[in-house]
Amino acid sequence: MKVITATLLSLVITGTQAMASAGGAHPEGMGLLTTFFIAFGALIVLFQLLPGMALFCGMLKGLFSTGAAESEKATAGK
C-alpha cells in the first residue's frame, strides 16, 4: 500500500509540474479567445460610456440652462 501511495504521489507531483511549465508551442502572446474576451469587455465599456455621457451632458444642460429661470417668472406672474 505504501508503494502504491508513493508511486501515485510522485506521478501527481511530476504531472503538476509538467502542466505548470511554460514550454508550450506558443508560450508568448495572446490566443484568439483572449483577444475576443478583451474586445468584448471593451465593447461593454464603450456601450455603457455613450449613454452615460449623454445623461451627463443632459444634466449639465439642465443645470446651466435659462429655462428654469423663465419657468419661475411664468409661475410668479400668474
Foldseek 3Di string as FASTA:
>chain_A
DVVVVVVVVVVVVVVVVVVPDQPDPDSDDDDPVVVVVVVVVVVVVVVVVVVVVVVVVVVVCVVPPCPVVVVVVVVVVD
